[in-house]
Amino acid sequence: MNDKRLLYLLSKFQDSACSEVELQELEQWYTQLNTGNQSISDSHAAGFSTEMLAQFRSSLQNRSKVVPFYQKSFFRIAAASVVFVLGTVAYLIFPNTGKQDALVKNNTTQQKDIASPKISKATITLANGQTVLLDSIGNGILAKQGAVSLVKSADGQIVYTGTSTSPVYNTLFNPRGSKVISLTLNDGTIVWLNSESSLRYPVAFVGNQRRVEITGEAYFEVAKDETKKFIVESNGVSTEVLGTHFNVNTYENEHDVKITLLEGAVKVRKGLTTSILKPGQQAEVNADIKVTSKVDIDAVMSWKNGFFHFANTSIPELMKQIARWYDIEIVYKSGVPQRQFGGEISREASLSEVLKILNKSKVKCRLEDSKLIIE
């Protein structure tokens, strides 16, 4: 199994999303890992500790026939470590030659560092102005607004239940330096919100439309209801659906509003101009609507799936993502370096590990307090 396939399967395993066939494929890899029939590439082998490999060997010898390998607690730890090691590899793409140099994780420790977000700092502002801190509050009913309850379930999910005859609005805000937050709306629609993003929505949908507003970036899995269109408003652009999966990127420091369709169909509207998207297409909306086919869905959805994904990505584009995730300011001391990147970096990596990759690729940078200085 190649490293890219392994990373994909272990990422799905962490999310409990593997099919039976994929679990069997992982089990086969695990069984063969230390029998000489399977190996880890040299660039990644250094990331596996002696203790981890010993755990693999011990479990392989003692594994019960009754309990599948993927239910054993040690494998969850090992799988997470493998994903982290593979995920911190990136590649520098030189603009003119296309030459790629592999960059591997350096284990030296920097004096200053910023860890990746470990908690969500998201808040919900209720209709009466009260603010609810989602990560620091216990489970159960967080607020009552008429007949509608805002609930935090035992597994940490945020859900609205109940009905209403008049629109009452709440706002979910996820700041910089915060983990991705998800919310289940009253109709069953699930929304994932990236850092530095907000979602304004009614606690219960009233009438023949389901309308919400976003800033920043959000991914929607819209519950189907053919009697009520679901409409996302974002910076003068509306996206209309009945039930589908799509991503909306409307960060203020991006040039365009980008709507990417994963499943179903959406209608994108800007003024009097409209366009219908098919799965795998992206609409870039500025003065008009430009539709692009064969979009790199992995790149679009990487923020939700726990990765920075780069494909011919320039330094400014890369730095925007890093600034939002680690809540830092970017300062270009001597102009913007002309580099392009490809590959993936785990969002679990600390900032120092990301900087090591950049420095290896001849992008000299250093951290001063909360400022990242690009030489």
Foldseek 3Di string as FASTA:
>chain_A
DALVLLLVLLLCLLVVNDDPVSLVVVLVQLLCDPVPPHHHDPLQVVLQDPVLVVVSVVCSVVPDPVDRPSVDPSVSVVSVSSNQQSQLWWWWQDVPPRDTDIDGFDPDDDPDWFFFQPAWQKWKQFLVRDIDRQGPDDFAFPDDDPQKTFTQDPVRATEIEGADADFTKMKIATAFQGAWHWHQAHVRKIKIDFHRKMKMATNHDHDQEGEIEMEAKMKIQADADPRYWYWYDYPQKIKTDRGAIWMWGHYPPDQWIKIAGQTDKIWIDHPPDIDIDDHQWMWTDDPHTDIDHNDPVCCVCVSVSFKNFFDQAAPVRVVVVVCRRRVAAEAEPDDGDGIGIGHIHGSSGIVVRVQSRCVVVVFDWDDDPRYIYTD
